[in-house]
Structures are given as structure tokens and as C-alpha cells.
Amino acid sequence: MNPAAVLDYAKKHGAKFVDLKFCDLPGTWQHLTIPLHQLSEENFETGFMFDGSSIRGWRDIHESDMMIKPDPNTARMDPFMEIPTLSLICDVHIPETGEPYSRDPRNIAKKAAAYLKSTGIADTAFFGPEAEFFIFDDVRYEQQQNGGFYQIDSDEASWNSGRDEGRNLGYKTRPKEGYFPALPTDTQHDLRAEICLELEKLDIVVERQHHEVAAAQGEINFRFDSLVEMADKMMWFKYVVKNVARRHGKTATFMPKPIFGDNGSGMHCHMSLWKDGSPLFAGNKYAGLSDLALNYIGGVLKHAPAMCAITNPTTNSYKRLVPGFEAPVRLAYSYRNRSAAIRIPNTGTSPKAKRIEFRTPDPAANVYLCLSALLMAGLDGVQSKLNPGDPLDKDIYGLSPQELANVRAVPATLDRSLEFFREGNSFLRKGDVFTEDMIEAYIDYKWNKEIIPMQQRPSPFEFHLYFDC
């Protein structure tokens, strides 16, 4: 769609306003809104100015002026604004030079896609992230100098089996038994179906939806796409999930581990490379993979400890990445095996379906950065012809310490991941995809805004452990 077509599209749908959306460093949409009469064809080149110093992880106040340029190909009608509003996803630019901003996550994804083509290895990387989420009926939290707490609730959770509900009808979800139950145990089926219908209106092709393992947890899968397009869709996906939940008086979160003692939310990432319309991951090696695919796996496994700073970017992420529980922490690959960090799905005989699945990431990740980092790690493996070693075709969760001695694991904390990230990011800087400035800004943000503040605050469980010391 070109700018003229966007204006025609807006008028056809009765738009009164234009919502300009862009992504901050942690991965959340920001927006500003203008009347439709303030959007012209020229604005797609001249852009709109805003204060970049107020955006997380971006410019200082003495250099705050920044510019966003709408991408005409992203034009959609926003499904949640009461007054008809056209939505456009924007790229961030530096107004002094007109250059794309190096810390803009969408710009990084664009550079990663361009770098792929420049290598000659492939021309398209397809991704299919599967982001799990929770939809709760109530959430309360507070942190003060003299106290702090959190409290979440769900009508279908097992802890409410004895609650006085007037008539408590049972059918609560037992811990770790929420995968695929039918109605009435699955209380959120219709809500997820409504999410699917909203996604379809946005040209996002839904493949399936279902209840997940924990109470109040769900998953909706949609068709794979190329890097930037899939990242844009994932931003829409989060937006739709959160706003449909709110429409029904509920609240949705992509926080990796909001519930103790039950499964957290992952974002398993399916990946494949194509060139000239042909798949490159199918071959006659292990699990029907090509040598290129095995080298790609080698790159992802090698760089996983550094990538965890991006793929598992919160302190809460590492409450999910605990050895022996639901998330794969051992850096191994295996056919059909969900206990390995990389699974090769059983896709039948079709070469076009052949792909790999990296199961460690979680949905707190900035999806633009996450998919870009995965691509850069895999390409480094292909370029270096990295051997991933032998597959591990066992239940890794049940292996003895002796059997696991030579199997690397992901870092156990965000600060340790950032150390790996600082020491081993050269693969990300190829083609200037991730700049040194962006990497340092990301590390500084995570340390100063998340890790250090978390380290300074006592937690309720510490009182349980230590108050009588």
C-alpha cells in the first residue's frame, strides 16, 4: 500500500483519527494520535516529531527531539478505539540526519533481514513464535519502603475450589492439568475465540487456540511470516489479547512466571531459511535436516547464553528457567523432544514444513530484538559451519547429574545473561545490525532499571526464610 492508498483506505473506513504506533526498547508499543486531516502523503517522508527522552532506553533530554515515519504497508483500522481510528506502525529516525535510529527495535529487525540477503545464504527467514499468556480476573501489587505484595486471582484456579461463590460449581483447574480441558473447565474458550476473530480482522491468519497447562493460561497460534512482518503481527497479537481481556473486565499478561508452583509462559520460536522460494532446512541428515540447518542450530546453541539477555529479558524470566521444571534449560537439540532447548518438530515428509523450534524464549522479550538475535546467531553458525554436536534423544529432565555434566545450560539469572551478552555479542554486530551504542544502552537499562532495583528490595519469601535469624 502506498501513501495515497492509505488515505483512501482511511476515508473508506470512516477514520477520524490516525494512531501512530512504535516500539520502545523493552518491547512495548507507544503511540500518539492525530486527526486524519493532519496526515498527508508527504508525512510518510517528513514524519512526525516527538520527545525521545521520555521513551524507555532512548535519548537523553539534551538530545530529545526524534521523528517517527509511518510505514504505509502497516495500515489497519484499530479494533478497540471507539472513534474510528487508522493505525500505522512507525519507524524511528534521527531528525538531524534523517537516518534510522539505531535503538529502534523495528529498525534492527529490518537491518537483520537485509543482512540475511547480503550474505547470499538465503533471502527470507520465516518465524513462528508461540507466545503463551495469562488472563486473570484480578491483580493487585504494591511496593513501598516498608512493605510490598502481589495478589492475583482467577475464577478457574484450584485455590478457589473452596471459595464461597454463592454456588461454587467446581471444575477448577488442578495445577499442571490445564492442557486442553474441554468446557466447563476451560472457562476462557469464548474469550480466546473472540481474540481470534479480532486477529483475523487484522489479516492475521489464526491456526489454532487452546487452554494451556496452568489455570487461566492460553495460547493462540497464527501462521508464520518473515521477520519484520511477524514481529509486527506479534505486537498486534499482544495488543489484541490485552484489550479483548479488558473489554470483558479481565486483565492479560505476558509475564513469564506470575504463578508459583505452576507452568509459566514461554514463546517457542519456530524458524526456517528459504532462498528463491525453496526451503533450505530440509535434507538427508538427522531428523531430515540439511547441513545448513544443523549449522544454524550450532549457532543458536553456541550463542544462547548471550541471547538470553534478549530472549529471556526480565528477572522474572529466570523463575521459569529452573532445571527440572517445565522450561528447557539445557542447550541440546533433539527430534520431537520438548525437554531440549531446540526441538525438531515431526513435520511429515514436506520439505516446506521443515523447521527448528527454539523453546527457551519467553513472551516478555522484545519480539523485534528476539527474532533478529536468533537469525544472527543462526547465520553465524552457518557462516562458521558450526557443528552442533550429537543430538540428545532422551528426557533431559530425568537425566542424572553425571549425564548432564557435559551439557551446557542457559544462565540462571538475568545479570549472568547480561555478562554473556556483554562478552559475546560480536555475532550481533555483523552488518551493523546491533550497534555498540544499542547494546550498551540495553545493558545499562537492564542493570539500572531492573536488576539493581530488584536487588535492593526484600521479597515476602525472604521474611519467611530469614525473619527469625
Protein backbone atom coordinates (compact mmCIF):
# COMPACT_ATOMS: atom_id res chain seq x y z
CA MET A 1 0.00 0.00 0.00
CA ASN A 2 1.35 3.44 -0.90
CA PRO A 3 0.57 6.71 0.97
CA ALA A 4 -2.23 7.66 -1.39
CA ALA A 5 -3.84 4.25 -0.93
CA VAL A 6 -3.56 4.64 2.85
CA LEU A 7 -5.52 7.89 2.75
CA ASP A 8 -8.18 6.28 0.55
CA TYR A 9 -8.33 3.30 2.93
CA ALA A 10 -8.81 5.64 5.91
CA LYS A 11 -11.62 7.55 4.24
CA LYS A 12 -13.31 4.35 3.07
CA HIS A 13 -13.43 3.11 6.67
CA GLY A 14 -14.60 6.41 8.08
CA ALA A 15 -11.44 7.11 10.09
CA LYS A 16 -11.43 10.32 12.09
CA PHE A 17 -8.02 9.88 13.69
CA VAL A 18 -4.65 8.27 12.94
CA ASP A 19 -2.82 6.36 15.65
CA LEU A 20 0.97 6.24 15.18
CA LYS A 21 2.48 3.25 16.99
CA PHE A 22 6.16 2.47 17.64
CA CYS A 23 8.11 0.11 19.90
CA ASP A 24 10.31 1.12 22.84
CA LEU A 25 13.48 -0.67 23.94
CA PRO A 26 11.82 -3.17 26.33
CA GLY A 27 9.28 -4.07 23.64
CA THR A 28 6.05 -2.18 24.43
CA TRP A 29 4.04 -0.19 21.93
CA GLN A 30 3.94 3.58 22.43
CA HIS A 31 1.58 5.80 20.45
CA LEU A 32 0.48 9.29 19.58
CA THR A 33 -2.72 10.23 17.78
CA ILE A 34 -3.51 12.93 15.20
CA PRO A 35 -6.72 13.93 13.40
CA LEU A 36 -6.93 12.38 9.94
CA HIS A 37 -6.74 15.82 8.33
CA GLN A 38 -3.18 16.14 9.74
CA LEU A 39 -1.96 13.15 7.70
CA SER A 40 -0.78 13.84 4.16
CA GLU A 41 1.18 11.83 1.63
CA GLU A 42 4.23 13.97 2.47
CA ASN A 43 4.12 12.91 6.14
CA PHE A 44 5.24 9.41 5.17
CA GLU A 45 8.59 11.01 4.32
CA THR A 46 8.71 14.06 6.60
CA GLY A 47 7.41 12.18 9.62
CA PHE A 48 6.21 13.50 12.98
CA MET A 49 8.33 14.87 15.81
CA PHE A 50 8.17 13.66 19.43
CA ASP A 51 10.15 13.68 22.69
CA GLY A 52 12.54 10.72 22.62
CA SER A 53 13.87 11.37 26.12
CA SER A 54 10.56 10.19 27.59
CA ILE A 55 10.82 6.76 25.93
CA ARG A 56 12.45 3.95 27.91
CA GLY A 57 16.07 3.31 26.95
CA TRP A 58 16.30 6.12 24.38
CA ARG A 59 17.89 9.57 24.10
CA ASP A 60 18.87 11.96 26.89
CA ILE A 61 16.92 15.14 27.49
CA HIS A 62 19.54 17.35 25.82
CA GLU A 63 19.05 15.45 22.54
CA SER A 64 15.38 14.59 22.90
CA ASP A 65 13.90 15.57 19.52
CA MET A 66 13.12 12.50 17.42
CA MET A 67 10.94 11.62 14.46
CA ILE A 68 8.62 8.76 13.54
CA LYS A 69 7.77 7.84 9.95
CA PRO A 70 4.62 5.79 9.28
CA ASP A 71 5.02 2.59 7.25
CA PRO A 72 2.13 2.64 4.72
CA ASN A 73 2.15 -1.16 4.46
CA THR A 74 1.01 -1.43 8.08
CA ALA A 75 -2.29 0.45 7.70
CA ARG A 76 -5.10 -1.17 9.70
CA MET A 77 -8.20 0.08 11.49
CA ASP A 78 -7.65 -0.09 15.24
CA PRO A 79 -10.29 -2.53 16.59
CA PHE A 80 -10.52 -1.05 20.09
CA MET A 81 -10.86 2.71 19.72
CA GLU A 82 -14.44 3.94 19.97
CA ILE A 83 -13.94 6.67 17.38
CA PRO A 84 -12.85 5.12 14.02
CA THR A 85 -9.06 5.31 14.01
CA LEU A 86 -6.48 4.30 11.42
CA SER A 87 -3.40 2.61 12.89
CA LEU A 88 0.08 2.88 11.37
CA ILE A 89 3.25 1.25 12.70
CA CYS A 90 6.16 3.66 12.53
CA ASP A 91 9.94 3.61 12.22
CA VAL A 92 12.02 5.95 14.36
CA HIS A 93 14.52 8.36 12.78
CA ILE A 94 17.03 10.95 13.93
CA PRO A 95 15.75 14.31 12.64
CA GLU A 96 19.21 15.90 12.25
CA THR A 97 20.31 13.33 9.69
CA GLY A 98 17.13 11.52 8.68
CA GLU A 99 18.88 8.23 9.45
CA PRO A 100 17.00 5.34 11.10
CA TYR A 101 17.58 5.32 14.87
CA SER A 102 19.99 2.56 15.93
CA ARG A 103 17.99 1.79 19.10
CA ASP A 104 14.67 1.44 17.29
CA PRO A 105 13.83 -2.29 17.58
CA ARG A 106 11.95 -2.33 14.28
CA ASN A 107 14.92 -0.78 12.52
CA ILE A 108 17.14 -3.53 13.96
CA ALA A 109 14.77 -6.17 12.60
CA LYS A 110 14.87 -4.51 9.18
CA LYS A 111 18.68 -4.49 9.24
CA ALA A 112 18.75 -8.18 10.24
CA ALA A 113 16.51 -9.08 7.29
CA ALA A 114 18.71 -7.02 4.95
CA TYR A 115 21.86 -8.61 6.34
CA LEU A 116 20.45 -12.07 5.64
CA LYS A 117 20.04 -11.17 1.96
CA SER A 118 23.52 -9.64 1.80
CA THR A 119 25.12 -12.92 2.90
CA GLY A 120 23.71 -14.81 -0.08
CA ILE A 121 22.85 -17.70 2.24
CA ALA A 122 19.10 -17.11 1.99
CA ASP A 123 16.71 -14.33 1.12
CA THR A 124 13.94 -14.98 3.66
CA ALA A 125 13.82 -16.08 7.29
CA PHE A 126 10.44 -17.35 8.41
CA PHE A 127 9.44 -17.26 12.07
CA GLY A 128 6.52 -18.63 14.01
CA PRO A 129 6.70 -17.56 17.68
CA GLU A 130 4.13 -19.08 20.01
CA ALA A 131 3.53 -16.66 22.88
CA GLU A 132 1.61 -18.05 25.86
CA PHE A 133 -0.28 -15.70 28.16
CA PHE A 134 -2.43 -15.50 31.29
CA ILE A 135 -5.85 -13.88 31.62
CA PHE A 136 -6.70 -13.12 35.25
CA ASP A 137 -9.83 -11.82 36.95
CA ASP A 138 -7.94 -9.65 39.43
CA VAL A 139 -4.39 -8.48 40.02
CA ARG A 140 -3.06 -6.30 42.84
CA TYR A 141 0.52 -5.41 43.67
CA GLU A 142 2.37 -2.75 45.59
CA GLN A 143 5.93 -1.85 46.59
CA GLN A 144 6.53 0.70 49.33
CA GLN A 145 9.53 1.46 51.51
CA ASN A 146 8.06 -0.56 54.39
CA GLY A 147 6.27 -3.32 52.51
CA GLY A 148 5.29 -4.98 49.30
CA PHE A 149 2.97 -7.68 47.99
CA TYR A 150 1.30 -9.15 44.92
CA GLN A 151 -2.03 -10.94 44.66
CA ILE A 152 -3.54 -12.48 41.54
CA ASP A 153 -6.79 -14.34 41.12
CA SER A 154 -8.63 -16.42 38.55
CA ASP A 155 -12.12 -17.88 38.85
CA GLU A 156 -10.90 -21.15 37.34
CA ALA A 157 -7.84 -21.60 39.59
CA SER A 158 -7.61 -24.52 42.01
CA TRP A 159 -7.00 -22.23 45.00
CA ASN A 160 -10.64 -21.13 44.62
CA SER A 161 -12.12 -24.63 44.94
CA GLY A 162 -13.27 -23.79 48.47
CA ARG A 163 -14.26 -20.17 47.90
CA ASP A 164 -17.78 -19.07 48.76
CA GLU A 165 -19.15 -18.10 45.34
CA GLY A 166 -22.82 -18.30 46.31
CA ARG A 167 -22.82 -21.51 44.34
CA ASN A 168 -19.31 -22.77 43.73
CA LEU A 169 -19.78 -25.14 40.81
CA GLY A 170 -16.31 -26.67 40.92
CA TYR A 171 -14.46 -27.53 37.73
CA LYS A 172 -11.37 -25.64 38.88
CA THR A 173 -8.10 -26.31 37.05
CA ARG A 174 -5.75 -28.51 39.04
CA PRO A 175 -2.07 -27.41 39.00
CA LYS A 176 -0.32 -28.51 35.78
CA GLU A 177 -3.54 -30.11 34.43
CA GLY A 178 -4.88 -27.27 32.32
CA TYR A 179 -3.68 -28.51 28.93
CA PHE A 180 -6.65 -29.00 26.56
CA PRO A 181 -9.56 -29.44 29.04
CA ALA A 182 -12.99 -29.04 27.50
CA LEU A 183 -15.78 -26.80 28.75
CA PRO A 184 -16.81 -26.13 31.51
CA THR A 185 -13.28 -26.47 32.94
CA ASP A 186 -11.97 -24.23 30.17
CA THR A 187 -13.75 -21.01 31.12
CA GLN A 188 -11.87 -18.83 28.61
CA HIS A 189 -12.70 -20.57 25.33
CA ASP A 190 -15.11 -17.90 24.09
CA LEU A 191 -12.75 -15.11 25.11
CA ARG A 192 -9.88 -16.69 23.14
CA ALA A 193 -12.24 -17.21 20.19
CA GLU A 194 -13.07 -13.51 20.27
CA ILE A 195 -9.34 -12.74 20.24
CA CYS A 196 -9.01 -14.95 17.16
CA LEU A 197 -11.79 -13.09 15.35
CA GLU A 198 -10.14 -9.73 16.09
CA LEU A 199 -6.82 -11.06 14.81
CA GLU A 200 -8.46 -12.26 11.59
CA LYS A 201 -9.84 -8.73 11.05
CA LEU A 202 -6.21 -7.56 11.11
CA ASP A 203 -5.26 -10.09 8.39
CA ILE A 204 -3.51 -12.35 10.93
CA VAL A 205 -4.37 -15.94 9.95
CA VAL A 206 -5.09 -17.94 13.10
CA GLU A 207 -4.24 -21.64 13.06
CA ARG A 208 -5.44 -22.80 16.50
CA GLN A 209 -6.25 -21.73 20.05
CA HIS A 210 -6.36 -23.69 23.30
CA HIS A 211 -6.08 -23.61 27.07
CA GLU A 212 -2.54 -24.07 28.35
CA VAL A 213 -1.11 -26.03 31.29
CA ALA A 214 -1.74 -23.56 34.12
CA ALA A 215 -5.03 -22.13 35.30
CA ALA A 216 -6.03 -19.01 33.33
CA GLN A 217 -3.31 -19.69 30.73
CA GLY A 218 -3.88 -19.75 27.00
CA GLU A 219 -2.16 -20.00 23.65
CA ILE A 220 -3.16 -18.84 20.17
CA ASN A 221 -1.03 -19.74 17.16
CA PHE A 222 -1.06 -17.93 13.84
CA ARG A 223 0.63 -18.55 10.50
CA PHE A 224 4.37 -18.00 10.18
CA ASP A 225 5.75 -14.99 8.34
CA SER A 226 9.02 -13.22 7.51
CA LEU A 227 10.96 -11.45 10.25
CA VAL A 228 9.66 -7.87 10.29
CA GLU A 229 6.14 -8.84 9.29
CA MET A 230 5.95 -11.48 12.04
CA ALA A 231 7.29 -9.07 14.65
CA ASP A 232 4.63 -6.53 13.63
CA LYS A 233 1.97 -9.24 13.96
CA MET A 234 3.22 -10.23 17.38
CA MET A 235 2.88 -6.62 18.54
CA TRP A 236 -0.70 -6.65 17.29
CA PHE A 237 -1.25 -10.03 18.98
CA LYS A 238 -0.25 -8.72 22.40
CA TYR A 239 -2.36 -5.61 21.87
CA VAL A 240 -5.43 -7.65 20.92
CA VAL A 241 -5.08 -10.15 23.78
CA LYS A 242 -4.77 -7.38 26.36
CA ASN A 243 -7.63 -5.28 25.01
CA VAL A 244 -10.11 -8.12 24.48
CA ALA A 245 -9.43 -9.23 28.05
CA ARG A 246 -10.04 -5.69 29.29
CA ARG A 247 -13.24 -5.50 27.21
CA HIS A 248 -14.54 -8.33 29.40
CA GLY A 249 -13.36 -6.92 32.72
CA LYS A 250 -10.31 -9.17 32.85
CA THR A 251 -6.59 -8.50 32.59
CA ALA A 252 -3.99 -10.24 30.42
CA THR A 253 -0.25 -10.56 30.97
CA PHE A 254 2.69 -11.97 29.06
CA MET A 255 4.80 -12.01 32.24
CA PRO A 256 6.76 -15.28 32.12
CA LYS A 257 6.12 -16.56 35.66
CA PRO A 258 3.24 -14.90 37.54
CA ILE A 259 2.17 -18.07 39.43
CA PHE A 260 4.32 -20.08 41.82
CA GLY A 261 4.07 -23.86 41.52
CA ASP A 262 2.57 -23.99 38.03
CA ASN A 263 3.80 -23.54 34.49
CA GLY A 264 5.00 -20.18 33.24
CA SER A 265 4.56 -18.70 29.77
CA GLY A 266 7.07 -19.40 27.04
CA MET A 267 7.45 -18.14 23.49
CA HIS A 268 8.68 -21.10 21.47
CA CYS A 269 10.19 -19.77 18.24
CA HIS A 270 9.93 -21.82 15.02
CA MET A 271 12.47 -20.86 12.35
CA SER A 272 13.50 -21.72 8.81
CA LEU A 273 15.52 -20.19 5.97
CA TRP A 274 14.40 -20.02 2.33
CA LYS A 275 16.02 -18.90 -0.91
CA ASP A 276 14.37 -18.27 -4.28
CA GLY A 277 11.17 -19.82 -2.97
CA SER A 278 12.83 -23.05 -1.84
CA PRO A 279 13.27 -24.28 1.77
CA LEU A 280 16.86 -24.69 2.96
CA PHE A 281 16.39 -26.64 6.19
CA ALA A 282 15.24 -29.93 4.61
CA GLY A 283 17.87 -32.56 3.85
CA ASN A 284 19.06 -36.10 4.50
CA LYS A 285 20.80 -35.59 7.83
CA TYR A 286 19.50 -36.10 11.37
CA ALA A 287 15.69 -35.69 11.61
CA GLY A 288 15.51 -34.82 7.91
CA LEU A 289 17.61 -31.68 8.28
CA SER A 290 20.19 -30.24 5.91
CA ASP A 291 23.79 -29.45 6.83
CA LEU A 292 22.84 -25.77 6.72
CA ALA A 293 20.08 -26.34 9.28
CA LEU A 294 22.46 -28.22 11.59
CA ASN A 295 24.98 -25.38 11.32
CA TYR A 296 22.17 -22.93 12.12
CA ILE A 297 21.36 -24.99 15.22
CA GLY A 298 25.03 -24.89 16.14
CA GLY A 299 24.98 -21.09 16.05
CA VAL A 300 21.85 -20.79 18.18
CA LEU A 301 23.21 -23.21 20.79
CA LYS A 302 26.62 -21.51 20.88
CA HIS A 303 25.20 -18.02 21.38
CA ALA A 304 22.20 -18.95 23.55
CA PRO A 305 23.79 -17.79 26.86
CA ALA A 306 24.36 -14.31 25.39
CA MET A 307 21.00 -14.27 23.62
CA CYS A 308 19.15 -15.00 26.85
CA ALA A 309 19.62 -11.32 27.73
CA ILE A 310 17.25 -10.65 24.81
CA THR A 311 15.14 -13.84 24.57
CA ASN A 312 14.57 -14.00 28.35
CA PRO A 313 14.97 -10.35 29.27
CA THR A 314 13.45 -9.99 32.74
CA THR A 315 14.40 -11.06 36.25
CA ASN A 316 11.08 -12.92 36.30
CA SER A 317 12.13 -14.89 33.18
CA TYR A 318 14.53 -16.91 35.29
CA LYS A 319 11.77 -18.06 37.65
CA ARG A 320 10.64 -20.10 34.63
CA LEU A 321 14.12 -21.24 33.57
CA VAL A 322 14.66 -23.61 36.50
CA PRO A 323 16.32 -27.02 35.89
CA GLY A 324 13.92 -29.94 36.03
CA PHE A 325 10.72 -27.94 35.63
CA GLU A 326 8.63 -27.00 32.58
CA ALA A 327 11.09 -24.92 30.54
CA PRO A 328 14.10 -26.37 28.70
CA VAL A 329 17.35 -25.01 30.12
CA ARG A 330 19.84 -27.49 28.67
CA LEU A 331 21.42 -26.43 25.39
CA ALA A 332 20.82 -29.54 23.36
CA TYR A 333 18.82 -30.37 20.24
CA SER A 334 16.58 -33.35 19.60
CA TYR A 335 13.87 -34.69 17.30
CA ARG A 336 10.33 -34.26 18.74
CA ASN A 337 11.80 -33.83 22.24
CA ARG A 338 10.25 -30.98 24.24
CA SER A 339 12.85 -31.21 27.02
CA ALA A 340 15.62 -29.96 24.71
CA ALA A 341 16.25 -26.26 24.08
CA ILE A 342 15.92 -26.91 20.34
CA ARG A 343 13.27 -29.33 19.12
CA ILE A 344 12.97 -30.51 15.54
CA PRO A 345 9.22 -30.95 15.08
CA ASN A 346 7.87 -34.01 13.32
CA THR A 347 6.58 -32.26 10.19
CA GLY A 348 5.99 -35.29 7.98
CA THR A 349 7.54 -35.53 4.53
CA SER A 350 7.03 -31.99 3.24
CA PRO A 351 10.35 -30.13 2.81
CA LYS A 352 8.47 -26.82 3.10
CA ALA A 353 7.39 -27.65 6.66
CA LYS A 354 10.90 -28.50 7.88
CA ARG A 355 11.94 -26.14 10.67
CA ILE A 356 13.54 -25.93 14.08
CA GLU A 357 11.98 -24.72 17.32
CA PHE A 358 13.93 -22.84 20.00
CA ARG A 359 11.94 -23.37 23.20
CA THR A 360 13.84 -21.25 25.72
CA PRO A 361 12.49 -17.72 24.93
CA ASP A 362 9.55 -16.16 26.75
CA PRO A 363 6.96 -13.57 25.70
CA ALA A 364 8.46 -10.75 27.78
CA ALA A 365 11.05 -10.46 25.01
CA ASN A 366 11.04 -7.52 22.63
CA VAL A 367 9.98 -9.57 19.61
CA TYR A 368 11.90 -7.43 17.08
CA LEU A 369 15.14 -7.92 19.01
CA CYS A 370 14.42 -11.57 19.81
CA LEU A 371 13.84 -12.71 16.23
CA SER A 372 16.76 -10.60 14.98
CA ALA A 373 19.14 -12.12 17.52
CA LEU A 374 18.02 -15.65 16.67
CA LEU A 375 18.61 -15.01 12.98
CA MET A 376 22.05 -13.51 13.59
CA ALA A 377 23.07 -16.43 15.83
CA GLY A 378 21.92 -18.99 13.27
CA LEU A 379 23.66 -17.19 10.42
CA ASP A 380 26.88 -17.11 12.41
CA GLY A 381 26.59 -20.87 12.76
CA VAL A 382 26.07 -21.29 9.01
CA GLN A 383 28.96 -18.97 8.14
CA SER A 384 31.30 -20.73 10.58
CA LYS A 385 29.93 -24.20 9.72
CA LEU A 386 29.40 -24.87 13.42
CA ASN A 387 28.83 -28.49 14.35
CA PRO A 388 26.04 -28.68 16.95
CA GLY A 389 27.39 -31.96 18.32
CA ASP A 390 25.32 -35.06 18.80
CA PRO A 391 21.59 -34.80 19.48
CA LEU A 392 20.31 -35.74 22.91
CA ASP A 393 17.37 -38.06 22.36
CA LYS A 394 16.42 -38.57 26.00
CA ASP A 395 14.13 -36.99 28.57
CA ILE A 396 16.63 -34.38 29.68
CA TYR A 397 14.60 -33.53 32.77
CA GLY A 398 15.21 -37.07 34.07
CA LEU A 399 18.95 -37.31 33.44
CA SER A 400 21.39 -37.73 36.32
CA PRO A 401 23.95 -35.03 37.20
CA GLN A 402 26.63 -37.25 35.69
CA GLU A 403 24.78 -37.48 32.38
CA LEU A 404 24.27 -33.72 32.34
CA ALA A 405 27.85 -32.83 33.20
CA ASN A 406 28.82 -32.03 29.61
CA VAL A 407 25.53 -30.46 28.53
CA ARG A 408 25.64 -26.67 28.77
CA ALA A 409 22.78 -24.80 30.40
CA VAL A 410 21.35 -21.32 29.96
CA PRO A 411 22.30 -18.73 32.59
CA ALA A 412 20.35 -18.89 35.85
CA THR A 413 19.86 -15.13 36.27
CA LEU A 414 19.42 -12.03 34.14
CA ASP A 415 22.63 -10.44 35.42
CA ARG A 416 24.61 -13.53 34.37
CA SER A 417 22.94 -13.43 30.93
CA LEU A 418 23.97 -9.79 30.57
CA GLU A 419 27.57 -10.77 31.34
CA PHE A 420 27.49 -13.29 28.49
CA PHE A 421 25.79 -10.66 26.32
CA ARG A 422 28.48 -8.08 27.01
CA GLU A 423 31.32 -10.54 26.39
CA GLY A 424 29.91 -12.37 23.36
CA ASN A 425 27.89 -10.03 21.14
CA SER A 426 30.15 -9.87 18.08
CA PHE A 427 27.76 -12.07 16.09
CA LEU A 428 25.04 -9.44 16.60
CA ARG A 429 27.24 -6.59 15.36
CA LYS A 430 27.80 -8.13 11.93
CA GLY A 431 26.41 -5.84 9.25
CA ASP A 432 25.93 -3.20 11.95
CA VAL A 433 22.61 -4.86 12.81
CA PHE A 434 23.05 -4.31 16.55
CA THR A 435 25.28 -1.29 17.12
CA GLU A 436 27.62 -0.94 20.09
CA ASP A 437 25.56 2.03 21.26
CA MET A 438 22.38 -0.03 21.24
CA ILE A 439 24.00 -2.96 23.06
CA GLU A 440 25.44 -0.71 25.78
CA ALA A 441 22.13 1.13 26.13
CA TYR A 442 20.30 -2.18 26.52
CA ILE A 443 22.72 -3.46 29.16
CA ASP A 444 22.62 -0.17 31.09
CA TYR A 445 18.84 -0.12 31.02
CA LYS A 446 18.52 -3.66 32.33
CA TRP A 447 21.07 -3.11 35.11
CA ASN A 448 19.87 0.29 36.29
CA LYS A 449 16.11 -0.06 35.80
CA GLU A 450 15.55 -3.72 36.63
CA ILE A 451 18.39 -5.69 38.22
CA ILE A 452 19.71 -3.18 40.78
CA PRO A 453 16.22 -2.04 41.90
CA MET A 454 15.22 -5.70 42.29
CA GLN A 455 18.37 -6.46 44.30
CA GLN A 456 17.64 -3.57 46.67
CA ARG A 457 14.15 -4.70 47.66
CA PRO A 458 13.35 -7.53 50.08
CA SER A 459 10.75 -10.06 48.94
CA PRO A 460 7.96 -11.63 51.01
CA PHE A 461 9.61 -15.05 50.87
CA GLU A 462 12.78 -13.65 52.40
CA PHE A 463 10.73 -12.82 55.50
CA HIS A 464 9.54 -16.44 55.55
CA LEU A 465 13.14 -17.64 55.36
CA TYR A 466 15.06 -15.17 57.44
CA PHE A 467 12.95 -13.05 59.84
CA ASP A 468 13.83 -15.26 62.81
CA CYS A 469 17.55 -15.37 62.08
